[in-house]
Amino acid sequence: MGLAAIKSRIRDACKKAGRSATAVTLVAVSKSQPVEKIEALLEQGQRVFGENRVQEAAEKFSGLREKYDGIELHLIGHLQTNKVKEAVRIFDVIESLDSIRLAGELAAEMKKQGRSLPCLIQVNTGGEAQKGGVAPQDLEALFRFCTEQANLRIEGLMCLPPVDDIPDLHFALLHKLAQGLSLPKLSMGMSADFETAIRYAATQVRVGSALFGTRENLK
């Protein structure tokens, strides 16, 4: 579809929702995409990208960062504790914080590296066993640990609604949870439903296939 078309749809969705077009950040989901396609977006001015795997992100973006200024890299996939050191080194935002153990590991590693990365807590709004994310009823306890004991910068929440569910219910729930904790950022909405997410106050939308086309490599 192309970057200009996606940005136009974001602007239109913001207008319909009575929101400023600058209130929503486009996170280009570049997982499994070749460097050439990422560079094409960089040439058009896109700077915020989302990756699922730490090693893949390191391999692709180390060279790109030497060539392009201002790249902001978001980790949007599950983070294993043995990958925390590398994740803290290469990412700018962690969107998939989902446990006290991971929070502790991130806090310790950020201290070692002298970094203070903004984090979002991933909420498993659909209660899916195969997905990461904290259960909604356990969110407040994790948030309190992150902010009061681990001293992490928790800026918002993230969710991945079940594929077969109507996303509205999940977006509405995440918005309500964020309001309850006075968190300003909501990362929700993907290629098929980002306009709906904007209606429910998303501040970051994660768009992959609508931007890049079908992934060539689903490794």
N, C-alpha and C. Protein backbone atom coordinates (compact mmCIF):
# COMPACT_ATOMS: atom_id res chain seq x y z
N MET A 1 0.83 -1.21 0.00
CA MET A 1 0.00 0.00 0.00
C MET A 1 0.86 1.25 0.00
N GLY A 2 1.96 1.22 0.71
CA GLY A 2 2.88 2.35 0.70
C GLY A 2 2.74 3.26 1.90
N LEU A 3 3.85 3.91 2.23
CA LEU A 3 3.92 4.76 3.41
C LEU A 3 2.95 5.94 3.35
N ALA A 4 2.90 6.61 2.22
CA ALA A 4 2.03 7.78 2.11
C ALA A 4 0.56 7.41 2.31
N ALA A 5 0.15 6.28 1.76
CA ALA A 5 -1.24 5.84 1.89
C ALA A 5 -1.58 5.50 3.34
N ILE A 6 -0.67 4.83 4.04
CA ILE A 6 -0.91 4.48 5.45
C ILE A 6 -0.99 5.74 6.30
N LYS A 7 -0.08 6.68 6.07
CA LYS A 7 -0.12 7.93 6.83
C LYS A 7 -1.40 8.71 6.57
N SER A 8 -1.87 8.66 5.34
CA SER A 8 -3.12 9.32 5.00
C SER A 8 -4.29 8.69 5.75
N ARG A 9 -4.29 7.37 5.82
CA ARG A 9 -5.36 6.67 6.57
C ARG A 9 -5.28 6.99 8.06
N ILE A 10 -4.09 7.12 8.59
CA ILE A 10 -3.93 7.50 10.00
C ILE A 10 -4.49 8.90 10.23
N ARG A 11 -4.16 9.81 9.34
CA ARG A 11 -4.68 11.18 9.47
C ARG A 11 -6.20 11.21 9.41
N ASP A 12 -6.76 10.45 8.48
CA ASP A 12 -8.22 10.41 8.34
C ASP A 12 -8.88 9.81 9.59
N ALA A 13 -8.28 8.75 10.12
CA ALA A 13 -8.83 8.12 11.32
C ALA A 13 -8.76 9.06 12.52
N CYS A 14 -7.67 9.80 12.62
CA CYS A 14 -7.52 10.77 13.71
C CYS A 14 -8.58 11.87 13.59
N LYS A 15 -8.80 12.33 12.38
CA LYS A 15 -9.79 13.38 12.15
C LYS A 15 -11.18 12.91 12.55
N LYS A 16 -11.54 11.70 12.17
CA LYS A 16 -12.85 11.14 12.51
C LYS A 16 -13.01 10.97 14.02
N ALA A 17 -11.88 10.69 14.70
CA ALA A 17 -11.92 10.49 16.15
C ALA A 17 -11.78 11.80 16.92
N GLY A 18 -11.64 12.90 16.20
CA GLY A 18 -11.48 14.19 16.86
C GLY A 18 -10.13 14.34 17.53
N ARG A 19 -9.12 13.70 16.95
CA ARG A 19 -7.77 13.74 17.52
C ARG A 19 -6.80 14.39 16.54
N SER A 20 -5.71 14.90 17.07
CA SER A 20 -4.67 15.47 16.22
C SER A 20 -3.94 14.35 15.50
N ALA A 21 -3.58 14.59 14.26
CA ALA A 21 -2.85 13.59 13.48
C ALA A 21 -1.48 13.30 14.09
N THR A 22 -0.96 14.25 14.84
CA THR A 22 0.35 14.06 15.47
C THR A 22 0.27 13.23 16.75
N ALA A 23 -0.95 12.86 17.15
CA ALA A 23 -1.13 12.09 18.38
C ALA A 23 -0.80 10.61 18.20
N VAL A 24 -0.66 10.17 16.95
CA VAL A 24 -0.45 8.75 16.67
C VAL A 24 0.88 8.54 15.94
N THR A 25 1.70 7.65 16.46
CA THR A 25 2.98 7.30 15.86
C THR A 25 2.84 6.01 15.07
N LEU A 26 3.33 6.02 13.85
CA LEU A 26 3.35 4.80 13.04
C LEU A 26 4.62 4.02 13.34
N VAL A 27 4.44 2.80 13.84
CA VAL A 27 5.57 1.89 14.05
C VAL A 27 5.56 0.90 12.88
N ALA A 28 6.54 1.00 12.01
CA ALA A 28 6.62 0.11 10.85
C ALA A 28 7.18 -1.24 11.30
N VAL A 29 6.36 -2.27 11.23
CA VAL A 29 6.77 -3.59 11.70
C VAL A 29 7.61 -4.26 10.61
N SER A 30 8.91 -4.29 10.85
CA SER A 30 9.86 -4.73 9.83
C SER A 30 10.37 -6.14 10.06
N LYS A 31 9.76 -6.88 10.98
CA LYS A 31 10.21 -8.26 11.23
C LYS A 31 10.12 -9.08 9.94
N SER A 32 11.14 -9.86 9.69
CA SER A 32 11.23 -10.75 8.52
C SER A 32 11.27 -10.02 7.19
N GLN A 33 11.46 -8.72 7.23
CA GLN A 33 11.56 -7.95 5.99
C GLN A 33 13.03 -7.73 5.64
N PRO A 34 13.36 -7.75 4.36
CA PRO A 34 14.75 -7.52 3.95
C PRO A 34 15.18 -6.07 4.18
N VAL A 35 16.46 -5.88 4.34
CA VAL A 35 17.01 -4.55 4.58
C VAL A 35 16.62 -3.58 3.47
N GLU A 36 16.53 -4.08 2.25
CA GLU A 36 16.22 -3.20 1.12
C GLU A 36 14.85 -2.53 1.29
N LYS A 37 13.88 -3.27 1.78
CA LYS A 37 12.55 -2.70 1.97
C LYS A 37 12.53 -1.71 3.13
N ILE A 38 13.29 -2.01 4.17
CA ILE A 38 13.38 -1.08 5.30
C ILE A 38 14.04 0.21 4.85
N GLU A 39 15.10 0.07 4.07
CA GLU A 39 15.83 1.26 3.61
C GLU A 39 14.95 2.12 2.70
N ALA A 40 14.08 1.48 1.93
CA ALA A 40 13.17 2.25 1.08
C ALA A 40 12.26 3.15 1.91
N LEU A 41 11.81 2.65 3.07
CA LEU A 41 10.98 3.47 3.96
C LEU A 41 11.82 4.56 4.63
N LEU A 42 13.04 4.22 4.99
CA LEU A 42 13.93 5.22 5.58
C LEU A 42 14.16 6.37 4.62
N GLU A 43 14.30 6.06 3.35
CA GLU A 43 14.50 7.10 2.34
C GLU A 43 13.29 8.02 2.23
N GLN A 44 12.11 7.48 2.60
CA GLN A 44 10.88 8.28 2.57
C GLN A 44 10.63 9.02 3.88
N GLY A 45 11.51 8.83 4.84
CA GLY A 45 11.40 9.57 6.09
C GLY A 45 10.89 8.80 7.30
N GLN A 46 10.51 7.53 7.11
CA GLN A 46 10.06 6.74 8.26
C GLN A 46 11.24 6.45 9.18
N ARG A 47 11.05 6.62 10.48
CA ARG A 47 12.15 6.40 11.41
C ARG A 47 11.82 5.44 12.56
N VAL A 48 10.56 5.12 12.78
CA VAL A 48 10.19 4.26 13.90
C VAL A 48 9.85 2.87 13.37
N PHE A 49 10.55 1.86 13.89
CA PHE A 49 10.39 0.49 13.41
C PHE A 49 10.19 -0.47 14.58
N GLY A 50 9.45 -1.54 14.33
CA GLY A 50 9.21 -2.55 15.34
C GLY A 50 9.75 -3.89 14.91
N GLU A 51 10.48 -4.55 15.80
CA GLU A 51 11.04 -5.87 15.53
C GLU A 51 10.66 -6.84 16.63
N ASN A 52 10.51 -8.12 16.25
CA ASN A 52 10.12 -9.15 17.21
C ASN A 52 11.30 -9.87 17.83
N ARG A 53 12.37 -10.00 17.07
CA ARG A 53 13.50 -10.81 17.53
C ARG A 53 14.75 -9.96 17.70
N VAL A 54 15.41 -10.17 18.82
CA VAL A 54 16.57 -9.35 19.17
C VAL A 54 17.70 -9.52 18.17
N GLN A 55 18.05 -10.76 17.86
CA GLN A 55 19.18 -11.01 16.98
C GLN A 55 18.92 -10.49 15.57
N GLU A 56 17.71 -10.72 15.08
CA GLU A 56 17.38 -10.23 13.73
C GLU A 56 17.47 -8.71 13.67
N ALA A 57 16.97 -8.05 14.70
CA ALA A 57 17.03 -6.58 14.73
C ALA A 57 18.48 -6.10 14.75
N ALA A 58 19.31 -6.76 15.53
CA ALA A 58 20.73 -6.36 15.62
C ALA A 58 21.41 -6.49 14.27
N GLU A 59 21.14 -7.58 13.57
CA GLU A 59 21.78 -7.81 12.28
C GLU A 59 21.34 -6.79 11.24
N LYS A 60 20.06 -6.44 11.23
CA LYS A 60 19.54 -5.55 10.19
C LYS A 60 19.82 -4.08 10.46
N PHE A 61 19.74 -3.66 11.71
CA PHE A 61 19.77 -2.22 11.98
C PHE A 61 21.13 -1.67 12.36
N SER A 62 22.11 -2.52 12.62
CA SER A 62 23.43 -1.98 12.96
C SER A 62 23.98 -1.16 11.80
N GLY A 63 23.87 -1.68 10.60
CA GLY A 63 24.35 -0.94 9.44
C GLY A 63 23.47 0.24 9.07
N LEU A 64 22.16 0.05 9.22
CA LEU A 64 21.24 1.13 8.87
C LEU A 64 21.42 2.34 9.77
N ARG A 65 21.75 2.10 11.03
CA ARG A 65 21.93 3.21 11.96
C ARG A 65 23.18 4.01 11.64
N GLU A 66 24.14 3.39 11.01
CA GLU A 66 25.33 4.12 10.60
C GLU A 66 25.03 5.06 9.43
N LYS A 67 24.01 4.70 8.68
CA LYS A 67 23.66 5.45 7.47
C LYS A 67 22.55 6.47 7.67
N TYR A 68 21.62 6.17 8.61
CA TYR A 68 20.45 7.04 8.81
C TYR A 68 20.36 7.49 10.26
N ASP A 69 20.19 8.77 10.46
CA ASP A 69 20.03 9.32 11.80
C ASP A 69 18.58 9.18 12.28
N GLY A 70 18.41 9.12 13.60
CA GLY A 70 17.09 9.22 14.19
C GLY A 70 16.25 7.97 14.19
N ILE A 71 16.84 6.81 13.91
CA ILE A 71 16.06 5.57 13.95
C ILE A 71 15.66 5.26 15.39
N GLU A 72 14.38 4.92 15.58
CA GLU A 72 13.86 4.52 16.89
C GLU A 72 13.34 3.10 16.77
N LEU A 73 13.97 2.19 17.48
CA LEU A 73 13.67 0.77 17.34
C LEU A 73 12.89 0.25 18.54
N HIS A 74 11.72 -0.31 18.27
CA HIS A 74 10.84 -0.85 19.31
C HIS A 74 10.89 -2.37 19.32
N LEU A 75 11.07 -2.95 20.48
CA LEU A 75 10.93 -4.40 20.62
C LEU A 75 9.46 -4.70 20.89
N ILE A 76 8.82 -5.42 19.96
CA ILE A 76 7.39 -5.69 20.09
C ILE A 76 7.10 -7.18 20.29
N GLY A 77 8.15 -8.00 20.26
CA GLY A 77 7.97 -9.43 20.47
C GLY A 77 8.38 -9.85 21.87
N HIS A 78 8.09 -11.10 22.19
CA HIS A 78 8.43 -11.64 23.51
C HIS A 78 9.92 -11.55 23.76
N LEU A 79 10.29 -11.10 24.93
CA LEU A 79 11.70 -10.95 25.29
C LEU A 79 12.09 -12.01 26.32
N GLN A 80 13.00 -12.90 25.91
CA GLN A 80 13.53 -13.90 26.84
C GLN A 80 14.59 -13.25 27.71
N THR A 81 14.68 -13.70 28.95
CA THR A 81 15.62 -13.06 29.87
C THR A 81 17.07 -13.19 29.41
N ASN A 82 17.40 -14.25 28.66
CA ASN A 82 18.79 -14.40 28.20
C ASN A 82 19.12 -13.47 27.04
N LYS A 83 18.11 -12.72 26.55
CA LYS A 83 18.34 -11.76 25.47
C LYS A 83 18.28 -10.31 25.97
N VAL A 84 18.13 -10.14 27.27
CA VAL A 84 17.93 -8.80 27.83
C VAL A 84 19.13 -7.90 27.58
N LYS A 85 20.34 -8.41 27.76
CA LYS A 85 21.54 -7.59 27.60
C LYS A 85 21.60 -6.99 26.19
N GLU A 86 21.39 -7.81 25.18
CA GLU A 86 21.44 -7.34 23.80
C GLU A 86 20.26 -6.42 23.49
N ALA A 87 19.08 -6.75 24.04
CA ALA A 87 17.90 -5.92 23.80
C ALA A 87 18.09 -4.51 24.33
N VAL A 88 18.63 -4.40 25.53
CA VAL A 88 18.86 -3.08 26.13
C VAL A 88 19.89 -2.30 25.32
N ARG A 89 20.83 -3.01 24.72
CA ARG A 89 21.88 -2.35 23.93
C ARG A 89 21.34 -1.77 22.63
N ILE A 90 20.44 -2.50 21.95
CA ILE A 90 20.08 -2.07 20.59
C ILE A 90 18.71 -1.41 20.46
N PHE A 91 17.79 -1.67 21.40
CA PHE A 91 16.45 -1.11 21.26
C PHE A 91 16.33 0.24 21.98
N ASP A 92 15.34 1.02 21.55
CA ASP A 92 15.07 2.31 22.16
C ASP A 92 13.81 2.29 23.01
N VAL A 93 12.92 1.34 22.73
CA VAL A 93 11.67 1.19 23.49
C VAL A 93 11.39 -0.31 23.63
N ILE A 94 11.02 -0.74 24.82
CA ILE A 94 10.61 -2.12 25.06
C ILE A 94 9.10 -2.13 25.23
N GLU A 95 8.37 -2.76 24.30
CA GLU A 95 6.91 -2.76 24.36
C GLU A 95 6.32 -4.04 24.96
N SER A 96 7.15 -5.01 25.26
CA SER A 96 6.63 -6.33 25.63
C SER A 96 7.01 -6.78 27.04
N LEU A 97 7.12 -5.83 27.95
CA LEU A 97 7.39 -6.18 29.35
C LEU A 97 6.15 -6.86 29.92
N ASP A 98 6.32 -8.07 30.46
CA ASP A 98 5.12 -8.79 30.90
C ASP A 98 5.26 -9.60 32.18
N SER A 99 6.37 -9.42 32.90
CA SER A 99 6.52 -10.18 34.15
C SER A 99 7.46 -9.46 35.11
N ILE A 100 7.32 -9.79 36.38
CA ILE A 100 8.19 -9.22 37.41
C ILE A 100 9.64 -9.65 37.18
N ARG A 101 9.82 -10.91 36.79
CA ARG A 101 11.18 -11.39 36.54
C ARG A 101 11.85 -10.59 35.42
N LEU A 102 11.12 -10.39 34.33
CA LEU A 102 11.69 -9.63 33.22
C LEU A 102 11.95 -8.19 33.62
N ALA A 103 11.05 -7.62 34.40
CA ALA A 103 11.24 -6.24 34.86
C ALA A 103 12.53 -6.11 35.66
N GLY A 104 12.77 -7.08 36.52
CA GLY A 104 13.98 -7.05 37.32
C GLY A 104 15.24 -7.17 36.47
N GLU A 105 15.20 -8.06 35.49
CA GLU A 105 16.34 -8.24 34.60
C GLU A 105 16.60 -6.97 33.78
N LEU A 106 15.53 -6.37 33.27
CA LEU A 106 15.68 -5.14 32.49
C LEU A 106 16.26 -4.01 33.33
N ALA A 107 15.75 -3.87 34.54
CA ALA A 107 16.23 -2.81 35.42
C ALA A 107 17.72 -2.96 35.72
N ALA A 108 18.14 -4.20 36.00
CA ALA A 108 19.55 -4.44 36.33
C ALA A 108 20.44 -4.16 35.12
N GLU A 109 19.99 -4.58 33.94
CA GLU A 109 20.80 -4.40 32.74
C GLU A 109 20.86 -2.94 32.31
N MET A 110 19.75 -2.23 32.45
CA MET A 110 19.77 -0.81 32.12
C MET A 110 20.74 -0.05 33.02
N LYS A 111 20.78 -0.43 34.28
CA LYS A 111 21.71 0.20 35.21
C LYS A 111 23.15 -0.06 34.80
N LYS A 112 23.43 -1.31 34.39
CA LYS A 112 24.78 -1.66 33.95
C LYS A 112 25.21 -0.86 32.73
N GLN A 113 24.26 -0.69 31.80
CA GLN A 113 24.59 -0.02 30.54
C GLN A 113 24.39 1.49 30.59
N GLY A 114 23.87 1.99 31.70
CA GLY A 114 23.64 3.42 31.82
C GLY A 114 22.54 3.91 30.90
N ARG A 115 21.55 3.06 30.67
CA ARG A 115 20.42 3.43 29.81
C ARG A 115 19.12 3.42 30.62
N SER A 116 18.16 4.21 30.19
CA SER A 116 16.84 4.23 30.83
C SER A 116 15.79 4.21 29.73
N LEU A 117 15.48 3.02 29.26
CA LEU A 117 14.58 2.89 28.13
C LEU A 117 13.12 2.99 28.56
N PRO A 118 12.30 3.72 27.81
CA PRO A 118 10.86 3.68 28.08
C PRO A 118 10.31 2.30 27.80
N CYS A 119 9.39 1.87 28.63
CA CYS A 119 8.80 0.54 28.49
C CYS A 119 7.28 0.61 28.47
N LEU A 120 6.69 -0.34 27.77
CA LEU A 120 5.25 -0.55 27.81
C LEU A 120 4.99 -1.94 28.37
N ILE A 121 3.97 -2.07 29.15
CA ILE A 121 3.59 -3.38 29.67
C ILE A 121 2.61 -4.03 28.70
N GLN A 122 2.93 -5.25 28.29
CA GLN A 122 2.04 -5.98 27.40
C GLN A 122 0.96 -6.68 28.23
N VAL A 123 -0.29 -6.46 27.84
CA VAL A 123 -1.42 -7.06 28.54
C VAL A 123 -2.07 -8.12 27.65
N ASN A 124 -2.25 -9.29 28.19
CA ASN A 124 -2.89 -10.39 27.46
C ASN A 124 -4.40 -10.25 27.61
N THR A 125 -4.99 -9.35 26.84
CA THR A 125 -6.41 -9.03 27.01
C THR A 125 -7.33 -10.19 26.64
N GLY A 126 -6.83 -11.12 25.84
CA GLY A 126 -7.66 -12.26 25.44
C GLY A 126 -7.43 -13.51 26.25
N GLY A 127 -6.52 -13.45 27.23
CA GLY A 127 -6.25 -14.62 28.06
C GLY A 127 -5.75 -15.82 27.27
N GLU A 128 -4.95 -15.56 26.23
CA GLU A 128 -4.46 -16.64 25.38
C GLU A 128 -3.17 -17.24 25.95
N ALA A 129 -3.20 -18.55 26.15
CA ALA A 129 -2.06 -19.23 26.78
C ALA A 129 -0.79 -19.13 25.95
N GLN A 130 -0.93 -19.07 24.62
CA GLN A 130 0.25 -19.06 23.75
C GLN A 130 0.85 -17.69 23.59
N LYS A 131 0.23 -16.67 24.13
CA LYS A 131 0.73 -15.30 23.96
C LYS A 131 1.35 -14.78 25.24
N GLY A 132 2.31 -13.88 25.07
CA GLY A 132 2.87 -13.19 26.21
C GLY A 132 1.90 -12.13 26.70
N GLY A 133 2.27 -11.50 27.78
CA GLY A 133 1.40 -10.46 28.34
C GLY A 133 0.91 -10.82 29.72
N VAL A 134 0.79 -9.82 30.55
CA VAL A 134 0.28 -10.03 31.90
C VAL A 134 -1.25 -10.07 31.86
N ALA A 135 -1.86 -10.87 32.71
CA ALA A 135 -3.32 -10.92 32.79
C ALA A 135 -3.82 -9.57 33.31
N PRO A 136 -4.96 -9.10 32.81
CA PRO A 136 -5.46 -7.79 33.25
C PRO A 136 -5.55 -7.65 34.76
N GLN A 137 -5.96 -8.73 35.45
CA GLN A 137 -6.11 -8.65 36.91
C GLN A 137 -4.78 -8.57 37.63
N ASP A 138 -3.68 -8.90 36.94
CA ASP A 138 -2.35 -8.83 37.56
C ASP A 138 -1.56 -7.60 37.13
N LEU A 139 -2.17 -6.78 36.30
CA LEU A 139 -1.46 -5.63 35.74
C LEU A 139 -1.01 -4.65 36.80
N GLU A 140 -1.88 -4.29 37.71
CA GLU A 140 -1.52 -3.26 38.68
C GLU A 140 -0.34 -3.68 39.55
N ALA A 141 -0.30 -4.96 39.94
CA ALA A 141 0.81 -5.44 40.77
C ALA A 141 2.13 -5.34 39.99
N LEU A 142 2.11 -5.70 38.71
CA LEU A 142 3.32 -5.61 37.90
C LEU A 142 3.71 -4.15 37.71
N PHE A 143 2.74 -3.30 37.45
CA PHE A 143 3.02 -1.87 37.29
C PHE A 143 3.66 -1.30 38.55
N ARG A 144 3.12 -1.64 39.71
CA ARG A 144 3.68 -1.12 40.97
C ARG A 144 5.11 -1.61 41.17
N PHE A 145 5.37 -2.86 40.85
CA PHE A 145 6.73 -3.38 41.00
C PHE A 145 7.68 -2.62 40.07
N CYS A 146 7.26 -2.44 38.83
CA CYS A 146 8.11 -1.77 37.84
C CYS A 146 8.45 -0.35 38.25
N THR A 147 7.47 0.37 38.75
CA THR A 147 7.67 1.79 39.05
C THR A 147 8.24 2.04 40.44
N GLU A 148 7.85 1.24 41.41
CA GLU A 148 8.23 1.50 42.79
C GLU A 148 9.48 0.74 43.24
N GLN A 149 9.73 -0.42 42.64
CA GLN A 149 10.89 -1.21 43.06
C GLN A 149 11.98 -1.29 41.99
N ALA A 150 11.57 -1.49 40.74
CA ALA A 150 12.56 -1.60 39.67
C ALA A 150 12.93 -0.24 39.08
N ASN A 151 12.13 0.78 39.38
CA ASN A 151 12.38 2.14 38.87
C ASN A 151 12.47 2.19 37.34
N LEU A 152 11.59 1.45 36.70
CA LEU A 152 11.53 1.47 35.24
C LEU A 152 10.60 2.58 34.77
N ARG A 153 10.86 3.05 33.57
CA ARG A 153 10.03 4.10 32.96
C ARG A 153 8.86 3.44 32.22
N ILE A 154 7.77 3.27 32.90
CA ILE A 154 6.58 2.68 32.29
C ILE A 154 5.73 3.80 31.70
N GLU A 155 5.62 3.82 30.38
CA GLU A 155 4.92 4.92 29.71
C GLU A 155 3.56 4.52 29.18
N GLY A 156 3.27 3.22 29.12
CA GLY A 156 1.97 2.84 28.57
C GLY A 156 1.77 1.34 28.54
N LEU A 157 0.76 0.93 27.77
CA LEU A 157 0.38 -0.47 27.66
C LEU A 157 0.34 -0.89 26.20
N MET A 158 0.48 -2.19 25.97
CA MET A 158 0.42 -2.76 24.63
C MET A 158 -0.44 -4.02 24.66
N CYS A 159 -1.14 -4.30 23.56
CA CYS A 159 -1.88 -5.56 23.48
C CYS A 159 -1.90 -6.08 22.05
N LEU A 160 -2.16 -7.39 21.95
CA LEU A 160 -2.35 -8.10 20.68
C LEU A 160 -3.65 -8.88 20.80
N PRO A 161 -4.77 -8.33 20.34
CA PRO A 161 -6.04 -9.02 20.46
C PRO A 161 -6.04 -10.36 19.74
N PRO A 162 -6.83 -11.31 20.20
CA PRO A 162 -6.95 -12.59 19.48
C PRO A 162 -7.40 -12.35 18.05
N VAL A 163 -6.84 -13.13 17.14
CA VAL A 163 -7.09 -12.93 15.71
C VAL A 163 -8.57 -12.99 15.36
N ASP A 164 -9.30 -13.91 15.98
CA ASP A 164 -10.69 -14.12 15.61
C ASP A 164 -11.69 -13.29 16.40
N ASP A 165 -11.20 -12.47 17.32
CA ASP A 165 -12.10 -11.64 18.14
C ASP A 165 -12.31 -10.27 17.50
N ILE A 166 -13.43 -9.65 17.85
CA ILE A 166 -13.64 -8.26 17.47
C ILE A 166 -12.67 -7.42 18.29
N PRO A 167 -11.81 -6.64 17.65
CA PRO A 167 -10.75 -5.95 18.39
C PRO A 167 -11.26 -4.84 19.31
N ASP A 168 -12.43 -4.30 19.00
CA ASP A 168 -12.94 -3.17 19.78
C ASP A 168 -12.94 -3.42 21.28
N LEU A 169 -13.38 -4.62 21.68
CA LEU A 169 -13.47 -4.93 23.11
C LEU A 169 -12.10 -4.90 23.77
N HIS A 170 -11.09 -5.37 23.06
CA HIS A 170 -9.73 -5.41 23.61
C HIS A 170 -9.11 -4.02 23.66
N PHE A 171 -9.37 -3.23 22.62
CA PHE A 171 -8.86 -1.86 22.61
C PHE A 171 -9.52 -1.03 23.72
N ALA A 172 -10.81 -1.23 23.89
CA ALA A 172 -11.52 -0.49 24.94
C ALA A 172 -11.00 -0.87 26.32
N LEU A 173 -10.74 -2.18 26.52
CA LEU A 173 -10.22 -2.64 27.80
C LEU A 173 -8.85 -2.06 28.07
N LEU A 174 -7.97 -2.08 27.07
CA LEU A 174 -6.62 -1.56 27.27
C LEU A 174 -6.66 -0.07 27.59
N HIS A 175 -7.54 0.65 26.90
CA HIS A 175 -7.69 2.08 27.16
C HIS A 175 -8.13 2.32 28.61
N LYS A 176 -9.09 1.53 29.06
CA LYS A 176 -9.58 1.68 30.43
C LYS A 176 -8.49 1.37 31.45
N LEU A 177 -7.72 0.32 31.19
CA LEU A 177 -6.63 -0.05 32.10
C LEU A 177 -5.57 1.05 32.15
N ALA A 178 -5.25 1.63 31.01
CA ALA A 178 -4.25 2.69 30.97
C ALA A 178 -4.73 3.92 31.72
N GLN A 179 -6.01 4.25 31.56
CA GLN A 179 -6.57 5.39 32.28
C GLN A 179 -6.49 5.17 33.78
N GLY A 180 -6.74 3.94 34.21
CA GLY A 180 -6.71 3.63 35.64
C GLY A 180 -5.34 3.81 36.25
N LEU A 181 -4.30 3.67 35.43
CA LEU A 181 -2.93 3.82 35.92
C LEU A 181 -2.30 5.14 35.48
N SER A 182 -3.11 5.99 34.85
CA SER A 182 -2.65 7.30 34.35
C SER A 182 -1.46 7.18 33.40
N LEU A 183 -1.56 6.19 32.50
CA LEU A 183 -0.50 5.97 31.53
C LEU A 183 -0.91 6.58 30.18
N PRO A 184 -0.04 7.37 29.57
CA PRO A 184 -0.43 8.12 28.37
C PRO A 184 -0.35 7.36 27.05
N LYS A 185 0.43 6.28 26.99
CA LYS A 185 0.65 5.65 25.69
C LYS A 185 -0.06 4.30 25.56
N LEU A 186 -0.62 4.08 24.37
CA LEU A 186 -1.31 2.83 24.05
C LEU A 186 -0.80 2.33 22.71
N SER A 187 -0.13 1.19 22.72
CA SER A 187 0.33 0.57 21.49
C SER A 187 -0.64 -0.53 21.13
N MET A 188 -1.48 -0.27 20.15
CA MET A 188 -2.48 -1.27 19.75
C MET A 188 -2.97 -0.94 18.34
N GLY A 189 -3.36 -1.97 17.64
CA GLY A 189 -3.80 -1.80 16.26
C GLY A 189 -2.71 -2.19 15.30
N MET A 190 -3.08 -3.07 14.35
CA MET A 190 -2.14 -3.52 13.32
C MET A 190 -2.75 -3.26 11.94
N SER A 191 -2.22 -3.90 10.92
CA SER A 191 -2.64 -3.59 9.55
C SER A 191 -4.14 -3.64 9.35
N ALA A 192 -4.80 -4.64 9.94
CA ALA A 192 -6.22 -4.85 9.68
C ALA A 192 -7.14 -3.98 10.53
N ASP A 193 -6.61 -3.40 11.62
CA ASP A 193 -7.52 -2.73 12.55
C ASP A 193 -6.95 -1.46 13.18
N PHE A 194 -5.91 -0.87 12.58
CA PHE A 194 -5.29 0.29 13.24
C PHE A 194 -6.22 1.49 13.28
N GLU A 195 -7.12 1.60 12.32
CA GLU A 195 -8.06 2.73 12.34
C GLU A 195 -9.05 2.58 13.50
N THR A 196 -9.45 1.35 13.78
CA THR A 196 -10.30 1.10 14.95
C THR A 196 -9.55 1.44 16.22
N ALA A 197 -8.29 1.04 16.30
CA ALA A 197 -7.48 1.32 17.48
C ALA A 197 -7.35 2.82 17.73
N ILE A 198 -7.22 3.59 16.67
CA ILE A 198 -7.12 5.05 16.81
C ILE A 198 -8.40 5.60 17.44
N ARG A 199 -9.52 5.01 17.10
CA ARG A 199 -10.79 5.44 17.68
C ARG A 199 -10.82 5.21 19.20
N TYR A 200 -10.05 4.21 19.65
CA TYR A 200 -9.98 3.90 21.08
C TYR A 200 -8.72 4.46 21.73
N ALA A 201 -8.18 5.52 21.14
CA ALA A 201 -7.10 6.30 21.75
C ALA A 201 -5.70 5.71 21.60
N ALA A 202 -5.48 4.84 20.63
CA ALA A 202 -4.12 4.35 20.38
C ALA A 202 -3.19 5.53 20.11
N THR A 203 -1.99 5.46 20.67
CA THR A 203 -0.98 6.48 20.38
C THR A 203 0.13 5.92 19.50
N GLN A 204 0.18 4.59 19.38
CA GLN A 204 1.14 3.92 18.50
C GLN A 204 0.41 2.79 17.78
N VAL A 205 0.52 2.75 16.46
CA VAL A 205 -0.06 1.65 15.70
C VAL A 205 1.07 0.90 15.01
N ARG A 206 0.99 -0.41 15.03
CA ARG A 206 2.07 -1.26 14.52
C ARG A 206 1.62 -1.87 13.18
N VAL A 207 2.13 -1.34 12.11
CA VAL A 207 1.67 -1.74 10.77
C VAL A 207 2.80 -2.42 10.02
N GLY A 208 2.54 -3.66 9.57
CA GLY A 208 3.53 -4.41 8.83
C GLY A 208 3.10 -4.73 7.42
N SER A 209 2.21 -5.72 7.26
CA SER A 209 1.85 -6.21 5.93
C SER A 209 1.22 -5.14 5.05
N ALA A 210 0.42 -4.25 5.62
CA ALA A 210 -0.20 -3.19 4.82
C ALA A 210 0.84 -2.19 4.31
N LEU A 211 1.98 -2.18 4.95
CA LEU A 211 3.04 -1.24 4.59
C LEU A 211 4.08 -1.89 3.68
N PHE A 212 4.48 -3.11 4.05
CA PHE A 212 5.55 -3.79 3.33
C PHE A 212 5.03 -4.79 2.29
N GLY A 213 3.79 -5.23 2.42
CA GLY A 213 3.31 -6.35 1.63
C GLY A 213 3.53 -7.63 2.42
N THR A 214 3.18 -8.77 1.86
CA THR A 214 3.31 -10.05 2.53
C THR A 214 4.78 -10.33 2.83
N ARG A 215 5.04 -10.82 4.04
CA ARG A 215 6.42 -11.10 4.42
C ARG A 215 6.99 -12.22 3.56
N GLU A 216 8.22 -12.03 3.13
CA GLU A 216 8.87 -12.99 2.27
C GLU A 216 9.45 -14.16 3.05
N ASN A 217 9.72 -13.90 4.30
CA ASN A 217 10.40 -14.93 5.10
C ASN A 217 9.77 -14.98 6.47
N LEU A 218 9.07 -16.05 6.77
CA LEU A 218 8.39 -16.16 8.05
C LEU A 218 9.19 -17.01 9.03
N LYS A 219 10.49 -16.87 9.00
CA LYS A 219 11.34 -17.69 9.88
C LYS A 219 11.06 -17.39 11.33
